[in-house]
N, C-alpha and C. Protein backbone atom coordinates (compact mmCIF):
# COMPACT_ATOMS: atom_id res chain seq x y z
N MET A 1 11.00 96.24 125.67
CA MET A 1 11.53 97.17 124.55
C MET A 1 11.83 96.55 123.57
N THR A 2 11.67 97.18 122.57
CA THR A 2 11.87 96.47 121.05
C THR A 2 13.30 96.34 120.69
N PRO A 3 13.57 95.46 119.80
CA PRO A 3 15.12 95.41 119.45
C PRO A 3 15.93 96.97 119.32
N ILE A 4 15.19 97.68 118.55
CA ILE A 4 15.68 98.68 117.95
C ILE A 4 16.06 99.97 119.08
N ALA A 5 15.14 99.79 120.09
CA ALA A 5 15.12 100.49 121.43
C ALA A 5 16.36 99.94 122.53
N LEU A 6 16.54 98.64 122.21
CA LEU A 6 17.53 98.11 122.87
C LEU A 6 19.02 98.69 122.58
N ARG A 7 18.92 98.79 121.29
CA ARG A 7 19.92 98.84 120.30
C ARG A 7 20.64 100.41 120.57
N SER A 8 19.32 101.14 120.41
CA SER A 8 19.63 102.87 121.16
C SER A 8 20.40 102.76 122.43
N ALA A 9 19.64 101.86 123.41
CA ALA A 9 20.10 102.16 124.84
C ALA A 9 21.68 101.92 124.77
N THR A 10 21.92 100.63 124.35
CA THR A 10 23.34 100.04 124.21
C THR A 10 24.40 101.04 123.97
N LEU A 11 23.92 101.94 122.55
CA LEU A 11 24.80 102.37 121.79
C LEU A 11 25.10 103.98 122.74
N GLY A 12 23.92 104.24 123.25
CA GLY A 12 23.80 105.42 124.05
C GLY A 12 24.82 105.44 125.42
N LEU A 13 24.79 104.35 126.05
CA LEU A 13 25.24 103.82 127.17
C LEU A 13 27.05 103.74 126.89
N LEU A 14 27.24 103.25 125.40
CA LEU A 14 28.35 103.30 125.00
C LEU A 14 29.31 104.50 124.87
N VAL A 15 28.29 105.55 124.49
CA VAL A 15 28.60 106.79 124.20
C VAL A 15 28.91 107.73 125.36
N LEU A 16 28.32 107.34 126.45
CA LEU A 16 28.24 107.75 127.63
C LEU A 16 29.50 107.66 128.38
N GLY A 17 29.92 106.30 128.23
CA GLY A 17 31.05 105.56 128.71
C GLY A 17 32.14 106.16 127.99
N ALA A 18 32.37 106.32 126.84
CA ALA A 18 33.47 106.86 126.07
C ALA A 18 33.80 108.44 126.43
N VAL A 19 32.76 109.35 126.44
CA VAL A 19 32.75 110.70 127.09
C VAL A 19 33.25 110.86 128.42
N GLY A 20 32.76 109.72 129.17
CA GLY A 20 33.24 109.93 130.52
C GLY A 20 34.64 109.55 130.66
N THR A 21 35.29 108.28 129.98
CA THR A 21 36.59 107.83 129.89
C THR A 21 37.53 109.33 129.50
N LEU A 22 36.97 109.53 128.46
CA LEU A 22 37.86 110.80 127.74
C LEU A 22 37.85 112.07 128.95
N ALA A 23 36.95 112.08 129.41
CA ALA A 23 36.84 113.30 130.45
C ALA A 23 37.89 113.17 131.54
N LEU A 24 37.87 111.61 132.37
CA LEU A 24 38.61 111.50 133.16
C LEU A 24 40.28 111.37 132.43
N LEU A 25 40.43 111.12 131.41
CA LEU A 25 41.59 110.87 130.82
C LEU A 25 42.16 112.28 130.72
N VAL A 26 41.43 113.44 129.98
CA VAL A 26 41.93 114.98 130.02
C VAL A 26 42.21 115.30 131.64
N TYR A 27 41.43 115.00 132.58
CA TYR A 27 41.66 115.29 133.66
C TYR A 27 42.96 114.87 134.47
N ALA A 28 43.23 113.60 134.21
CA ALA A 28 44.36 113.10 134.66
C ALA A 28 45.71 113.71 133.76
N ALA A 29 45.51 113.78 132.71
CA ALA A 29 46.64 114.45 131.81
C ALA A 29 46.98 116.06 132.63
N GLY A 30 46.14 116.56 133.17
CA GLY A 30 46.27 117.97 133.50
C GLY A 30 45.76 119.06 132.64
N GLY A 31 44.81 118.82 131.96
CA GLY A 31 44.39 119.47 131.13
C GLY A 31 44.38 119.26 129.67
N VAL A 32 43.71 120.31 128.70
CA VAL A 32 43.79 119.55 127.37
C VAL A 32 44.98 120.05 126.68
N GLY A 33 45.80 120.67 127.03
CA GLY A 33 46.95 121.02 126.37
C GLY A 33 47.86 119.82 126.85
N HIS A 34 48.04 119.27 127.93
CA HIS A 34 48.96 118.42 128.17
C HIS A 34 48.35 116.96 127.68
N PHE A 35 46.79 117.11 127.23
CA PHE A 35 46.49 115.71 126.83
C PHE A 35 46.80 115.65 125.56
N VAL A 36 46.89 116.70 124.83
CA VAL A 36 47.03 116.82 123.25
C VAL A 36 48.53 116.46 123.11
N GLU A 37 49.38 116.81 123.83
CA GLU A 37 50.71 116.30 123.71
C GLU A 37 51.10 115.10 124.09
N THR A 38 50.58 114.33 125.09
CA THR A 38 50.90 112.99 125.53
C THR A 38 49.85 112.26 125.51
N GLY A 39 48.52 112.39 125.69
CA GLY A 39 47.50 111.45 125.54
C GLY A 39 46.77 110.99 124.53
N LEU A 40 47.01 111.10 123.26
CA LEU A 40 46.16 110.81 122.29
C LEU A 40 46.36 109.38 122.17
N VAL A 41 47.28 108.89 122.14
CA VAL A 41 47.51 107.16 122.19
C VAL A 41 46.94 106.67 123.19
N PHE A 42 46.83 107.14 124.39
CA PHE A 42 46.13 106.58 125.50
C PHE A 42 44.51 106.58 125.22
N ALA A 43 44.43 107.70 124.60
CA ALA A 43 42.88 107.88 124.03
C ALA A 43 42.11 106.79 123.18
N LEU A 44 43.02 106.64 122.41
CA LEU A 44 42.53 105.44 121.46
C LEU A 44 42.75 103.97 122.27
N TRP A 45 43.59 103.99 122.93
CA TRP A 45 43.61 102.69 123.54
C TRP A 45 42.41 102.49 124.72
N ALA A 46 41.88 103.61 125.24
CA ALA A 46 40.99 103.59 126.30
C ALA A 46 39.45 103.47 125.82
N LEU A 47 39.47 103.88 124.50
CA LEU A 47 38.05 104.12 123.83
C LEU A 47 38.00 102.66 122.93
N ALA A 48 39.11 101.85 122.68
CA ALA A 48 38.88 100.82 121.93
C ALA A 48 37.81 99.70 122.35
N PRO A 49 37.45 99.55 123.48
CA PRO A 49 36.79 98.60 124.17
C PRO A 49 35.38 99.12 123.74
N TYR A 50 35.16 100.60 123.95
CA TYR A 50 33.68 100.98 123.63
C TYR A 50 33.21 100.72 122.03
N VAL A 51 34.22 100.88 121.17
CA VAL A 51 34.35 100.69 119.64
C VAL A 51 34.14 99.23 119.31
N LEU A 52 34.67 98.42 120.00
CA LEU A 52 34.47 96.97 119.73
C LEU A 52 33.15 96.37 120.41
N LEU A 53 32.83 97.15 121.77
CA LEU A 53 31.20 96.56 121.87
C LEU A 53 30.32 97.31 121.13
N GLY A 54 30.61 98.33 120.30
CA GLY A 54 29.45 99.23 119.80
C GLY A 54 29.50 98.29 118.34
N PHE A 55 30.45 97.85 117.61
CA PHE A 55 30.08 96.90 116.68
C PHE A 55 30.01 95.73 116.61
N GLY A 56 30.38 94.94 117.99
CA GLY A 56 29.86 93.67 118.34
C GLY A 56 28.60 93.18 118.75
N THR A 57 27.97 94.18 119.36
CA THR A 57 26.74 93.80 119.85
C THR A 57 25.69 94.30 119.13
N THR A 58 25.74 95.29 118.46
CA THR A 58 24.66 95.68 117.50
C THR A 58 24.46 94.86 116.33
N ARG A 59 25.21 93.80 116.28
CA ARG A 59 24.92 93.12 114.78
C ARG A 59 24.06 92.00 114.67
N PHE A 60 23.61 91.60 116.25
CA PHE A 60 22.31 90.66 116.48
C PHE A 60 21.39 91.43 116.79
N TRP A 61 20.20 90.68 115.83
CA TRP A 61 18.94 91.43 115.94
C TRP A 61 17.77 90.73 116.89
N SER A 62 18.07 89.82 117.31
CA SER A 62 17.25 88.91 118.37
C SER A 62 17.32 89.77 119.77
N ARG A 63 16.09 89.47 120.23
CA ARG A 63 15.90 90.15 121.63
C ARG A 63 16.91 89.79 122.71
N PRO A 64 17.20 88.69 122.97
CA PRO A 64 17.82 87.99 123.95
C PRO A 64 19.38 88.74 123.69
N ALA A 65 19.95 88.66 122.51
CA ALA A 65 21.14 89.19 122.13
C ALA A 65 21.45 90.33 122.48
N ARG A 66 20.37 91.33 121.92
CA ARG A 66 20.17 92.96 122.44
C ARG A 66 20.36 92.96 123.92
N VAL A 67 19.62 92.00 124.80
CA VAL A 67 19.42 92.52 126.06
C VAL A 67 21.11 91.83 126.78
N ALA A 68 21.56 91.09 126.21
CA ALA A 68 22.67 90.71 126.44
C ALA A 68 24.00 91.67 126.20
N GLY A 69 23.78 92.28 125.10
CA GLY A 69 24.45 93.31 124.79
C GLY A 69 24.61 94.41 125.64
N LEU A 70 23.26 94.89 126.06
CA LEU A 70 22.82 96.16 127.16
C LEU A 70 23.63 95.59 128.23
N VAL A 71 22.94 94.62 128.75
CA VAL A 71 23.84 94.21 130.42
C VAL A 71 25.29 94.41 130.21
N GLY A 72 25.94 93.37 129.23
CA GLY A 72 27.37 93.56 129.40
C GLY A 72 27.98 94.93 128.97
N SER A 73 27.62 95.71 128.06
CA SER A 73 27.63 97.36 128.15
C SER A 73 27.53 98.05 129.33
N ALA A 74 26.56 97.79 130.05
CA ALA A 74 26.68 98.34 131.27
C ALA A 74 27.69 98.02 132.25
N VAL A 75 27.74 96.84 132.31
CA VAL A 75 29.04 96.37 133.41
C VAL A 75 30.22 96.73 132.87
N VAL A 76 30.82 97.04 131.61
CA VAL A 76 31.77 97.56 131.00
C VAL A 76 31.76 98.97 131.54
N VAL A 77 30.88 99.88 131.02
CA VAL A 77 30.66 101.11 131.29
C VAL A 77 30.74 101.60 132.97
N VAL A 78 30.17 101.03 133.72
CA VAL A 78 29.98 101.21 135.06
C VAL A 78 31.21 100.86 135.68
N GLY A 79 31.91 99.73 135.62
CA GLY A 79 33.01 99.06 136.08
C GLY A 79 34.33 100.11 135.78
N ALA A 80 34.34 100.23 134.59
CA ALA A 80 35.49 101.19 133.92
C ALA A 80 35.57 102.58 134.73
N LEU A 81 34.35 103.21 134.62
CA LEU A 81 34.16 104.50 134.90
C LEU A 81 34.56 104.78 136.73
N ALA A 82 34.11 103.44 137.34
CA ALA A 82 34.49 103.41 138.87
C ALA A 82 35.92 103.12 138.80
N LEU A 83 36.67 102.47 138.42
CA LEU A 83 37.94 102.17 138.18
C LEU A 83 38.63 103.55 138.06
N TYR A 84 38.34 104.19 136.78
CA TYR A 84 39.07 105.20 136.47
C TYR A 84 39.05 106.46 137.60
N VAL A 85 37.59 106.71 138.08
CA VAL A 85 37.49 107.63 139.31
C VAL A 85 38.10 107.24 140.58
N ASP A 86 38.33 105.87 140.68
CA ASP A 86 39.10 105.48 141.94
C ASP A 86 40.81 105.83 141.83
N ALA A 87 41.03 105.40 140.58
CA ALA A 87 42.32 105.75 140.03
C ALA A 87 42.80 107.35 139.95
N VAL A 88 41.85 108.10 139.54
CA VAL A 88 42.53 109.32 139.38
C VAL A 88 41.92 110.69 140.03
N VAL A 89 40.68 110.50 140.69
CA VAL A 89 40.14 111.29 141.41
C VAL A 89 40.47 110.99 142.97
N VAL A 90 40.00 109.66 143.52
CA VAL A 90 39.94 109.34 144.78
C VAL A 90 41.32 109.05 145.39
N ASN A 91 42.18 108.11 144.71
CA ASN A 91 43.60 107.97 145.15
C ASN A 91 44.32 108.62 144.07
N THR A 92 44.69 109.72 144.44
CA THR A 92 45.42 110.65 143.71
C THR A 92 46.94 110.22 143.69
N ASP A 93 47.64 109.35 143.29
CA ASP A 93 49.17 108.96 143.46
C ASP A 93 49.59 108.89 141.77
N SER A 94 51.00 108.76 142.20
CA SER A 94 51.60 108.82 140.58
C SER A 94 51.21 107.59 139.86
N LEU A 95 50.82 106.63 140.14
CA LEU A 95 50.46 105.53 139.31
C LEU A 95 49.27 105.23 138.85
N GLY A 96 48.27 106.30 139.06
CA GLY A 96 46.65 106.56 138.43
C GLY A 96 46.66 106.15 137.32
N ALA A 97 47.68 106.83 136.62
CA ALA A 97 47.46 106.57 135.01
C ALA A 97 47.47 105.54 134.40
N LEU A 98 48.02 104.51 135.36
CA LEU A 98 48.37 103.15 134.89
C LEU A 98 46.71 102.47 134.59
N ALA A 99 45.93 103.14 135.02
CA ALA A 99 44.67 102.51 135.02
C ALA A 99 44.25 102.48 133.75
N PHE A 100 44.68 103.64 132.79
CA PHE A 100 44.46 103.90 131.45
C PHE A 100 44.96 102.73 130.72
N ALA A 101 46.05 102.34 130.93
CA ALA A 101 46.45 101.03 130.29
C ALA A 101 46.11 99.78 130.53
N ALA A 102 45.44 99.64 131.99
CA ALA A 102 45.11 98.12 132.38
C ALA A 102 43.54 98.16 132.18
N VAL A 103 42.63 99.12 132.41
CA VAL A 103 41.55 98.74 132.68
C VAL A 103 40.83 98.39 131.06
N PRO A 104 41.43 99.22 130.03
CA PRO A 104 40.98 98.57 128.60
C PRO A 104 40.98 97.17 128.41
N LEU A 105 42.22 96.26 129.10
CA LEU A 105 42.39 94.90 128.62
C LEU A 105 41.24 94.27 129.58
N LEU A 106 40.93 94.74 130.58
CA LEU A 106 39.83 94.11 131.25
C LEU A 106 38.28 94.23 130.56
N GLN A 107 38.21 95.37 129.95
CA GLN A 107 37.00 95.93 129.10
C GLN A 107 36.95 94.94 128.06
N ALA A 108 38.07 94.84 127.61
CA ALA A 108 38.33 93.88 126.32
C ALA A 108 37.88 92.38 126.37
N ALA A 109 37.93 91.89 127.55
CA ALA A 109 37.67 90.58 127.86
C ALA A 109 36.45 90.43 128.08
N VAL A 110 35.68 91.50 128.89
CA VAL A 110 34.34 91.50 128.88
C VAL A 110 33.49 91.65 127.66
N ALA A 111 34.12 92.60 127.16
CA ALA A 111 33.37 92.80 125.67
C ALA A 111 33.60 91.62 124.94
N LEU A 112 34.58 90.99 124.75
CA LEU A 112 34.35 89.50 124.01
C LEU A 112 33.54 88.37 124.55
N ALA A 113 33.36 88.50 125.92
CA ALA A 113 32.60 87.47 126.49
C ALA A 113 30.98 88.12 126.19
N THR A 114 30.77 89.31 126.31
CA THR A 114 29.33 89.71 125.99
C THR A 114 29.16 89.52 124.44
N ILE A 115 30.02 89.69 123.50
CA ILE A 115 29.80 89.48 122.26
C ILE A 115 29.38 88.02 121.97
N GLY A 116 30.26 87.13 122.71
CA GLY A 116 30.26 85.58 122.45
C GLY A 116 28.76 85.32 122.84
N THR A 117 28.33 85.84 124.30
CA THR A 117 27.37 85.48 124.78
C THR A 117 26.01 86.10 123.85
N ALA A 118 26.14 87.15 123.30
CA ALA A 118 25.12 87.55 122.43
C ALA A 118 25.20 86.62 120.93
N PHE A 119 26.46 86.37 120.55
CA PHE A 119 26.19 85.57 119.43
C PHE A 119 25.46 84.24 119.57
N LEU A 120 25.44 83.70 120.87
CA LEU A 120 25.15 82.18 121.18
C LEU A 120 23.33 82.51 121.60
N LEU A 121 23.26 83.44 122.05
CA LEU A 121 21.54 83.78 122.25
C LEU A 121 21.07 84.36 120.96
N HIS A 122 21.76 84.73 119.92
CA HIS A 122 20.94 84.96 118.80
C HIS A 122 21.06 83.54 117.88
N ARG A 123 22.06 82.94 117.82
CA ARG A 123 21.81 81.65 117.15
C ARG A 123 20.71 80.48 117.45
N ARG A 124 20.58 80.81 119.17
CA ARG A 124 19.44 80.15 119.87
C ARG A 124 18.16 80.42 119.40
N ALA A 125 17.97 81.77 119.38
CA ALA A 125 16.91 82.56 119.16
C ALA A 125 16.11 82.22 117.44
N ALA A 126 17.29 82.20 116.64
CA ALA A 126 17.04 81.88 115.29
C ALA A 126 16.69 80.64 114.99
N ARG A 127 16.55 79.72 115.75
CA ARG A 127 16.27 78.20 115.51
C ARG A 127 14.73 78.11 115.60
């Protein structure tokens, strides 16, 4: 794949993850009406790792850096959606909403590791 195709795939994957996260957040809030009243701050917090990955991984043009960004984005998206589905749909208890507070921290840690790896691979490829 070309670097532009890798970038497009990464951004598409991140948009898919953000839409899935937002949909599960609306579902957990009990519908759009309740979400607008209470969930907007959680939405900003839950979507922040996707924005971080989007800006962080698309700045590097070398192929290894783009592959690292795509793999890291896939780990973040699949992992987060699996945790959200488990917390909201599978195990429906009163603590399920805490996933929307805790999972973004895990996502941010993986995102920073991905951006760091992409930076190092980009620097190595530039030599």
